[in-house]
C-alpha atoms as a PDB file:
ATOM      1  CA  MET A   1      48.661-162.508 227.901  1.00  0.00           C
ATOM      2  CA  MET A   2      50.195-163.895 224.450  1.00  0.00           C
ATOM      3  CA  ARG A   3      53.605-165.217 223.933  1.00  0.00           C
ATOM      4  CA  ILE A   4      54.413-165.816 220.440  1.00  0.00           C
ATOM      5  CA  GLY A   5      57.130-166.779 219.368  1.00  0.00           C
ATOM      6  CA  VAL A   6      58.753-166.721 215.499  1.00  0.00           C
ATOM      7  CA  THR A   7      61.799-168.936 213.602  1.00  0.00           C
ATOM      8  CA  GLY A   8      61.804-168.765 209.594  1.00  0.00           C
ATOM      9  CA  HIS A   9      64.164-167.634 206.690  1.00  0.00           C
ATOM     10  CA  MET A  10      66.497-165.161 206.786  1.00  0.00           C
ATOM     11  CA  ASN A  11      66.919-164.826 202.643  1.00  0.00           C
ATOM     12  CA  LEU A  12      63.336-164.168 201.354  1.00  0.00           C
ATOM     13  CA  THR A  13      63.038-162.443 197.819  1.00  0.00           C
ATOM     14  CA  PRO A  14      61.490-158.840 198.279  1.00  0.00           C
ATOM     15  CA  ALA A  15      58.613-159.593 197.102  1.00  0.00           C
ATOM     16  CA  THR A  16      57.975-162.675 199.417  1.00  0.00           C
ATOM     17  CA  ALA A  17      58.816-160.298 202.095  1.00  0.00           C
ATOM     18  CA  HIS A  18      55.605-157.942 201.670  1.00  0.00           C
ATOM     19  CA  LEU A  19      54.137-161.536 200.922  1.00  0.00           C
ATOM     20  CA  ILE A  20      54.719-162.614 204.734  1.00  0.00           C
ATOM     21  CA  SER A  21      54.266-159.070 205.940  1.00  0.00           C
ATOM     22  CA  ASP A  22      50.560-159.290 205.166  1.00  0.00           C
ATOM     23  CA  ALA A  23      50.796-162.547 206.274  1.00  0.00           C
ATOM     24  CA  LEU A  24      52.102-162.486 209.522  1.00  0.00           C
ATOM     25  CA  ARG A  25      49.920-158.682 210.412  1.00  0.00           C
ATOM     26  CA  ALA A  26      47.128-160.759 209.165  1.00  0.00           C
ATOM     27  CA  HIS A  27      47.482-163.927 212.148  1.00  0.00           C
ATOM     28  CA  LEU A  28      48.536-161.615 214.749  1.00  0.00           C
ATOM     29  CA  ALA A  29      44.805-159.564 214.051  1.00  0.00           C
ATOM     30  CA  SER A  30      43.770-163.108 215.491  1.00  0.00           C
ATOM     31  CA  PHE A  31      44.375-162.543 219.133  1.00  0.00           C
ATOM     32  CA  THR A  32      43.504-160.103 221.636  1.00  0.00           C
ATOM     33  CA  GLY A  33      44.949-158.774 224.661  1.00  0.00           C
ATOM     34  CA  GLU A  34      48.066-158.636 225.714  1.00  0.00           C
ATOM     35  CA  LEU A  35      50.637-159.492 222.679  1.00  0.00           C
ATOM     36  CA  VAL A  36      54.525-160.644 223.596  1.00  0.00           C
ATOM     37  CA  GLY A  37      56.575-161.020 220.050  1.00  0.00           C
ATOM     38  CA  VAL A  38      59.919-163.231 221.388  1.00  0.00           C
ATOM     39  CA  SER A  39      62.243-163.245 218.287  1.00  0.00           C
ATOM     40  CA  CYS A  40      66.263-163.201 217.649  1.00  0.00           C
ATOM     41  CA  ILE A  41      65.665-160.650 215.112  1.00  0.00           C
ATOM     42  CA  ALA A  42      68.080-161.976 212.709  1.00  0.00           C
ATOM     43  CA  ARG A  43      67.777-160.267 209.052  1.00  0.00           C
ATOM     44  CA  GLY A  44      64.414-162.170 206.934  1.00  0.00           C
ATOM     45  CA  SER A  45      61.185-164.230 209.291  1.00  0.00           C
ATOM     46  CA  ASP A  46      62.488-162.515 213.059  1.00  0.00           C
ATOM     47  CA  SER A  47      62.676-158.878 212.299  1.00  0.00           C
ATOM     48  CA  LEU A  48      59.524-158.465 209.842  1.00  0.00           C
ATOM     49  CA  PHE A  49      57.909-160.776 212.182  1.00  0.00           C
ATOM     50  CA  ALA A  50      58.757-157.923 215.446  1.00  0.00           C
ATOM     51  CA  ASP A  51      57.651-155.363 212.806  1.00  0.00           C
ATOM     52  CA  GLU A  52      54.266-156.492 212.747  1.00  0.00           C
ATOM     53  CA  VAL A  53      54.176-157.033 216.739  1.00  0.00           C
ATOM     54  CA  LEU A  54      55.183-153.892 217.155  1.00  0.00           C
ATOM     55  CA  ALA A  55      52.665-152.827 214.626  1.00  0.00           C
ATOM     56  CA  ALA A  56      50.473-154.421 216.000  1.00  0.00           C
ATOM     57  CA  GLY A  57      50.597-152.252 219.285  1.00  0.00           C
ATOM     58  CA  GLY A  58      52.298-155.530 221.060  1.00  0.00           C
ATOM     59  CA  SER A  59      55.506-155.755 223.477  1.00  0.00           C
ATOM     60  CA  LEU A  60      58.716-157.272 221.622  1.00  0.00           C
ATOM     61  CA  GLU A  61      61.460-159.358 223.946  1.00  0.00           C
ATOM     62  CA  VAL A  62      64.340-160.019 221.979  1.00  0.00           C
ATOM     63  CA  VAL A  63      67.611-163.070 222.665  1.00  0.00           C
ATOM     64  CA  LEU A  64      70.337-162.991 220.732  1.00  0.00           C
ATOM     65  CA  PRO A  65      72.538-165.797 220.030  1.00  0.00           C
ATOM     66  CA  SER A  66      75.386-163.868 221.186  1.00  0.00           C
ATOM     67  CA  ARG A  67      77.729-161.254 223.031  1.00  0.00           C
ATOM     68  CA  ASP A  68      79.109-160.249 219.778  1.00  0.00           C
ATOM     69  CA  TYR A  69      75.734-160.767 217.438  1.00  0.00           C
ATOM     70  CA  ARG A  70      75.417-157.567 216.228  1.00  0.00           C
ATOM     71  CA  LEU A  71      78.631-156.526 215.509  1.00  0.00           C
ATOM     72  CA  THR A  72      79.730-160.067 213.495  1.00  0.00           C
ATOM     73  CA  LYS A  73      76.418-160.418 212.175  1.00  0.00           C
ATOM     74  CA  VAL A  74      74.112-157.737 210.792  1.00  0.00           C
ATOM     75  CA  LYS A  75      74.543-157.274 208.211  1.00  0.00           C
ATOM     76  CA  PRO A  76      74.849-153.191 206.702  1.00  0.00           C
ATOM     77  CA  ASP A  77      71.571-153.921 204.737  1.00  0.00           C
ATOM     78  CA  HIS A  78      69.522-155.184 207.931  1.00  0.00           C
ATOM     79  CA  ALA A  79      71.377-152.970 210.263  1.00  0.00           C
ATOM     80  CA  GLU A  80      69.522-149.882 210.526  1.00  0.00           C
ATOM     81  CA  GLN A  81      65.748-151.845 211.139  1.00  0.00           C
ATOM     82  CA  PHE A  82      68.047-154.427 213.611  1.00  0.00           C
ATOM     83  CA  ASP A  83      68.506-150.941 215.667  1.00  0.00           C
ATOM     84  CA  ARG A  84      66.044-150.145 214.885  1.00  0.00           C
ATOM     85  CA  LEU A  85      63.421-153.062 216.781  1.00  0.00           C
ATOM     86  CA  MET A  86      67.011-152.839 219.478  1.00  0.00           C
ATOM     87  CA  GLU A  87      65.675-149.483 220.727  1.00  0.00           C
ATOM     88  CA  ALA A  88      61.796-150.569 220.697  1.00  0.00           C
ATOM     89  CA  ALA A  89      62.467-154.000 222.386  1.00  0.00           C
ATOM     90  CA  LYS A  90      60.953-154.205 225.369  1.00  0.00           C
ATOM     91  CA  THR A  91      63.846-157.003 227.016  1.00  0.00           C
ATOM     92  CA  VAL A  92      67.123-158.103 225.139  1.00  0.00           C
ATOM     93  CA  ARG A  93      68.569-161.335 226.772  1.00  0.00           C
ATOM     94  CA  PHE A  94      72.055-162.113 225.405  1.00  0.00           C
ATOM     95  CA  MET A  95      73.080-165.579 225.835  1.00  0.00           C
ATOM     96  CA  ASP A  96      75.972-166.774 227.496  1.00  0.00           C
ATOM     97  CA  PHE A  97      78.367-166.855 224.341  1.00  0.00           C
ATOM     98  CA  ASP A  98      81.108-164.342 223.644  1.00  0.00           C
ATOM     99  CA  HIS A  99      80.307-165.734 219.328  1.00  0.00           C
ATOM    100  CA  ALA A 100      77.536-166.110 217.149  1.00  0.00           C
ATOM    101  CA  ASP A 101      78.317-170.233 216.078  1.00  0.00           C
ATOM    102  CA  ARG A 102      75.707-173.346 216.092  1.00  0.00           C
ATOM    103  CA  GLN A 103      75.837-173.802 219.788  1.00  0.00           C
ATOM    104  CA  ALA A 104      74.417-170.493 220.783  1.00  0.00           C
ATOM    105  CA  TYR A 105      72.011-170.237 217.713  1.00  0.00           C
ATOM    106  CA  GLU A 106      70.286-173.139 219.321  1.00  0.00           C
ATOM    107  CA  ALA A 107      70.764-171.707 222.707  1.00  0.00           C
ATOM    108  CA  ALA A 108      68.668-168.794 221.079  1.00  0.00           C
ATOM    109  CA  ASN A 109      66.457-171.195 219.294  1.00  0.00           C
ATOM    110  CA  GLU A 110      65.649-172.860 223.177  1.00  0.00           C
ATOM    111  CA  ALA A 111      65.629-169.504 224.754  1.00  0.00           C
ATOM    112  CA  VAL A 112      62.753-168.999 222.732  1.00  0.00           C
ATOM    113  CA  LEU A 113      61.116-172.094 222.820  1.00  0.00           C
ATOM    114  CA  SER A 114      60.748-172.020 226.576  1.00  0.00           C
ATOM    115  CA  THR A 115      59.267-169.024 227.389  1.00  0.00           C
ATOM    116  CA  VAL A 116      56.244-169.276 224.141  1.00  0.00           C
ATOM    117  CA  ASP A 117      52.647-169.962 223.821  1.00  0.00           C
ATOM    118  CA  GLU A 118      53.091-170.419 220.396  1.00  0.00           C
ATOM    119  CA  LEU A 119      55.674-170.592 217.587  1.00  0.00           C
ATOM    120  CA  VAL A 120      55.029-169.025 213.958  1.00  0.00           C
ATOM    121  CA  ALA A 121      57.797-170.722 211.365  1.00  0.00           C
ATOM    122  CA  VAL A 122      58.240-168.350 207.957  1.00  0.00           C
ATOM    123  CA  TRP A 123      58.731-172.036 206.757  1.00  0.00           C
ATOM    124  CA  ASP A 124      59.373-173.327 202.526  1.00  0.00           C
ATOM    125  CA  GLY A 125      57.945-176.845 204.225  1.00  0.00           C
ATOM    126  CA  GLN A 126      61.643-178.288 202.689  1.00  0.00           C
ATOM    127  CA  PRO A 127      64.084-179.959 205.423  1.00  0.00           C
ATOM    128  CA  GLY A 128      67.133-178.414 207.069  1.00  0.00           C
ATOM    129  CA  ALA A 129      70.739-178.062 206.806  1.00  0.00           C
ATOM    130  CA  GLY A 130      71.192-178.915 210.772  1.00  0.00           C
ATOM    131  CA  ALA A 131      70.353-178.113 214.193  1.00  0.00           C
ATOM    132  CA  GLY A 132      69.861-174.815 214.646  1.00  0.00           C
ATOM    133  CA  GLY A 133      67.976-174.301 211.041  1.00  0.00           C
ATOM    134  CA  THR A 134      64.379-173.755 210.241  1.00  0.00           C
ATOM    135  CA  ALA A 135      62.675-176.833 209.947  1.00  0.00           C
ATOM    136  CA  GLU A 136      64.484-177.777 213.120  1.00  0.00           C
ATOM    137  CA  VAL A 137      63.227-175.484 215.460  1.00  0.00           C
ATOM    138  CA  VAL A 138      59.498-176.405 213.930  1.00  0.00           C
ATOM    139  CA  ALA A 139      60.535-180.837 214.654  1.00  0.00           C
ATOM    140  CA  GLU A 140      61.317-178.994 218.099  1.00  0.00           C
ATOM    141  CA  ALA A 141      58.306-177.139 218.798  1.00  0.00           C
ATOM    142  CA  ARG A 142      55.685-180.097 218.080  1.00  0.00           C
ATOM    143  CA  GLN A 143      57.531-182.466 219.832  1.00  0.00           C
ATOM    144  CA  ARG A 144      56.685-180.513 223.076  1.00  0.00           C
ATOM    145  CA  GLY A 145      53.199-179.912 222.088  1.00  0.00           C
ATOM    146  CA  LEU A 146      53.521-176.414 221.145  1.00  0.00           C
ATOM    147  CA  PRO A 147      51.274-174.453 219.130  1.00  0.00           C
ATOM    148  CA  VAL A 148      52.970-174.604 215.322  1.00  0.00           C
ATOM    149  CA  THR A 149      51.649-171.856 213.632  1.00  0.00           C
ATOM    150  CA  VAL A 150      54.129-172.177 209.730  1.00  0.00           C
ATOM    151  CA  ILE A 151      53.648-169.322 207.351  1.00  0.00           C
ATOM    152  CA  TRP A 152      54.767-169.228 203.963  1.00  0.00           C
ATOM    153  CA  PRO A 153      52.369-167.351 201.301  1.00  0.00           C
ATOM    154  CA  GLU A 154      51.153-168.576 197.856  1.00  0.00           C
ATOM    155  CA  GLY A 155      53.869-166.992 195.261  1.00  0.00           C
ATOM    156  CA  ALA A 156      57.149-166.998 198.543  1.00  0.00           C
ATOM    157  CA  ALA A 157      60.445-167.672 198.099  1.00  0.00           C
ATOM    158  CA  ARG A 158      63.484-168.043 198.930  1.00  0.00           C
ATOM    159  CA  GLU A 159      66.942-165.849 197.532  1.00  0.00           C
END
C-alpha cells in the first residue's frame, strides 16, 4: 500500500487547475497496488488531489483542522466538491479544535505528514508566509526525510 499526502496552494487560476489535475493524474498513474490519498480537501490543490486519487481507484482519507471547518471555511464555490469528497472518504479525522486557526492547520499538517510515505506538493516554489503554509510543510517533510514530489507545471499561476 502506498500512502500519499498533499499540500498545496488554494488560489489556483482555472487554467492552472486543469494543468495541476493532469500532472497529478500522471504522477498517481506511476503507482501500482493499493493507493491511499490523505488530504485536508481544502479548495484548490487538496481537492484536486483527492479527486485524482479517487479517479485512479484509490481510497481517500480526509483530515480536517477543526470541527467547524465545513461551516466556517468552505466557501459556496467549493461546497459541492467538498461535500462530495467527504461522502467518498474512507475515513474522516477531525483535529481536536473547535475552530480552524493556525494551530489547527498545523495539527492537520502534522497528521498528514505523520501518516504518509510521500508528500505531493502543488507548490510554486516561493517562500511561505508563516507556519502551516505550503512551503513550511514541504520543508518539514524534507527535514523528516519524507520523499516530496513538487507539482507545478509550466504555465501554472496563482490568482
